């Protein structure tokens, strides 16, 4: 993915410092409680809503332009996510992150993240996340699995 596909605020000083958009993505990842997850799209939506609230308070309008989407969140996590609980930002289908399945699985089991056991016919017999129960909407009820 090229720098052109990242939000505008990440292009300047890209190699020298953490871009503002990346900082905000990582802040959301750090807010996700143990045992819960958000999808890449959830994080992007959260940031859009947060941005809209900031603009409303400041009187500035962003013209409805979306700042970044799931791919941009994934890019930030791949470049900068090692220092935050990266395993809590996931694919919408609940499939474990390729190449990091076992590390993520250790974290999920330690945190009590709801999983769906794999079908014996499934390649590698790895479980998936139970997205209905593990997904966090950013609300105050962080501990309850629904």
Protein backbone atom coordinates (compact mmCIF):
# COMPACT_ATOMS: atom_id res chain seq x y z
CA UNK A 1 0.00 0.00 0.00
CA UNK A 2 1.40 3.39 -0.86
CA UNK A 3 1.43 6.53 1.24
CA UNK A 4 -1.17 7.92 -1.14
CA UNK A 5 -3.79 5.53 0.25
CA UNK A 6 -3.26 6.70 3.83
CA UNK A 7 -5.19 9.70 5.19
CA UNK A 8 -3.63 13.07 4.34
CA UNK A 9 -2.32 13.72 7.85
CA UNK A 10 -0.01 10.70 7.59
CA UNK A 11 1.88 11.85 4.48
CA UNK A 12 3.93 14.68 5.98
CA UNK A 13 6.81 13.47 8.15
CA UNK A 14 5.76 9.89 7.49
CA UNK A 15 9.16 8.36 8.27
CA UNK A 16 10.17 10.73 11.10
CA UNK A 17 7.31 10.60 13.60
CA UNK A 18 4.10 8.80 14.33
CA UNK A 19 1.37 10.32 12.13
CA UNK A 20 -1.60 11.83 13.95
CA UNK A 21 -4.03 9.36 12.35
CA UNK A 22 -1.83 6.45 13.47
CA UNK A 23 -1.73 7.83 17.02
CA UNK A 24 -5.51 7.96 17.09
CA UNK A 25 -5.86 4.38 15.74
CA UNK A 26 -3.46 3.13 18.41
CA UNK A 27 -5.33 5.03 21.13
CA UNK A 28 -8.54 3.23 20.14
CA UNK A 29 -6.73 -0.14 20.20
CA UNK A 30 -5.55 0.63 23.73
CA UNK A 31 -9.12 1.42 24.86
CA UNK A 32 -10.47 -2.00 23.87
CA UNK A 33 -10.93 -3.98 27.08
CA UNK A 34 -9.30 -7.39 27.59
CA UNK A 35 -11.50 -10.14 26.22
CA UNK A 36 -13.14 -7.87 23.64
CA UNK A 37 -12.32 -6.92 20.04
CA UNK A 38 -13.13 -4.30 17.40
CA UNK A 39 -12.88 -4.82 13.67
CA UNK A 40 -10.75 -2.62 11.43
CA UNK A 41 -13.99 -1.08 10.19
CA UNK A 42 -15.23 -0.49 13.75
CA UNK A 43 -12.06 1.45 14.55
CA UNK A 44 -12.39 3.54 11.37
CA UNK A 45 -16.05 4.28 12.18
CA UNK A 46 -15.14 5.21 15.78
CA UNK A 47 -12.53 7.66 14.52
CA UNK A 48 -14.97 9.19 12.03
CA UNK A 49 -17.56 9.70 14.77
CA UNK A 50 -14.94 11.16 17.11
CA UNK A 51 -13.75 13.49 14.35
CA UNK A 52 -17.31 14.62 13.67
CA UNK A 53 -17.82 15.41 17.35
CA UNK A 54 -14.57 17.42 17.46
CA UNK A 55 -15.58 19.37 14.36
CA UNK A 56 -19.05 20.07 15.75
CA UNK A 57 -17.55 21.43 18.97
CA UNK A 58 -15.03 23.58 17.13
CA UNK A 59 -17.51 24.82 14.52
CA UNK A 60 -15.39 23.37 11.70
CA UNK A 61 -17.03 21.15 9.17
CA UNK A 62 -15.17 18.35 7.42
CA UNK A 63 -17.61 18.21 4.54
CA UNK A 64 -18.48 14.58 5.30
CA UNK A 65 -15.16 13.34 3.94
CA UNK A 66 -14.13 10.06 5.54
CA UNK A 67 -10.71 10.21 7.13
CA UNK A 68 -9.76 6.56 6.73
CA UNK A 69 -11.32 3.15 6.33
CA UNK A 70 -10.60 -0.42 7.38
CA UNK A 71 -7.60 -0.72 5.07
CA UNK A 72 -5.98 2.38 6.51
CA UNK A 73 -6.56 1.08 10.05
CA UNK A 74 -4.99 -2.24 9.03
CA UNK A 75 -2.02 -0.43 7.56
CA UNK A 76 -1.49 1.55 10.75
CA UNK A 77 -1.72 -1.62 12.83
CA UNK A 78 0.78 -3.42 10.60
CA UNK A 79 3.28 -0.56 10.77
CA UNK A 80 2.87 0.67 14.35
CA UNK A 81 0.64 -1.76 16.27
CA UNK A 82 3.31 -3.82 18.02
CA UNK A 83 3.28 -1.63 21.14
CA UNK A 84 -0.49 -1.89 21.70
CA UNK A 85 -2.84 -4.88 22.11
CA UNK A 86 -2.89 -5.54 18.35
CA UNK A 87 -4.79 -8.82 18.76
CA UNK A 88 -7.90 -6.82 19.76
CA UNK A 89 -8.22 -5.20 16.30
CA UNK A 90 -9.44 -7.95 14.01
CA UNK A 91 -11.02 -9.02 10.75
CA UNK A 92 -14.80 -8.82 10.62
CA UNK A 93 -15.13 -12.54 9.88
CA UNK A 94 -13.32 -13.52 13.11
CA UNK A 95 -10.47 -15.31 11.33
CA UNK A 96 -7.22 -14.97 13.26
CA UNK A 97 -4.55 -12.72 11.76
CA UNK A 98 -2.51 -14.79 9.27
CA UNK A 99 1.04 -15.30 10.46
CA UNK A 100 0.12 -14.32 14.03
CA UNK A 101 -2.55 -16.91 14.80
CA UNK A 102 -0.81 -18.67 17.67
CA UNK A 103 0.34 -15.48 19.40
CA UNK A 104 -3.14 -13.99 19.12
CA UNK A 105 -4.73 -17.23 20.32
CA UNK A 106 -2.55 -17.18 23.44
CA UNK A 107 -3.76 -13.63 24.19
CA UNK A 108 -7.42 -14.51 23.52
CA UNK A 109 -7.30 -17.51 25.83
CA UNK A 110 -5.52 -15.55 28.58
CA UNK A 111 -8.09 -12.74 28.36
CA UNK A 112 -11.13 -15.00 28.04
CA UNK A 113 -12.07 -13.70 24.60
CA UNK A 114 -15.02 -15.71 23.23
CA UNK A 115 -13.93 -18.17 20.53
CA UNK A 116 -15.70 -20.59 18.23
CA UNK A 117 -13.94 -23.92 18.05
CA UNK A 118 -12.76 -24.90 14.61
CA UNK A 119 -14.44 -27.55 12.54
CA UNK A 120 -12.19 -30.62 12.30
CA UNK A 121 -12.27 -30.21 8.52
CA UNK A 122 -10.93 -26.67 8.82
CA UNK A 123 -7.34 -26.21 7.78
CA UNK A 124 -5.08 -26.05 10.83
CA UNK A 125 -8.03 -26.58 13.22
CA UNK A 126 -7.71 -23.02 14.54
CA UNK A 127 -10.71 -21.43 16.22
CA UNK A 128 -12.26 -18.16 15.10
CA UNK A 129 -13.35 -15.30 17.25
CA UNK A 130 -17.00 -15.43 18.28
CA UNK A 131 -17.74 -11.98 16.91
CA UNK A 132 -21.29 -11.82 18.29
CA UNK A 133 -19.96 -12.16 21.82
CA UNK A 134 -16.46 -10.65 21.57
CA UNK A 135 -17.19 -7.48 19.59
CA UNK A 136 -16.99 -4.28 21.59
CA UNK A 137 -18.95 -1.21 20.51
CA UNK A 138 -16.94 1.23 22.62
CA UNK A 139 -19.64 1.52 25.24
CA UNK A 140 -19.26 1.54 29.00
CA UNK A 141 -20.22 -2.13 29.47
CA UNK A 142 -16.77 -3.37 28.55
CA UNK A 143 -16.72 -6.49 30.66
CA UNK A 144 -19.96 -8.20 29.69
CA UNK A 145 -19.93 -10.70 26.86
CA UNK A 146 -23.31 -10.75 25.22
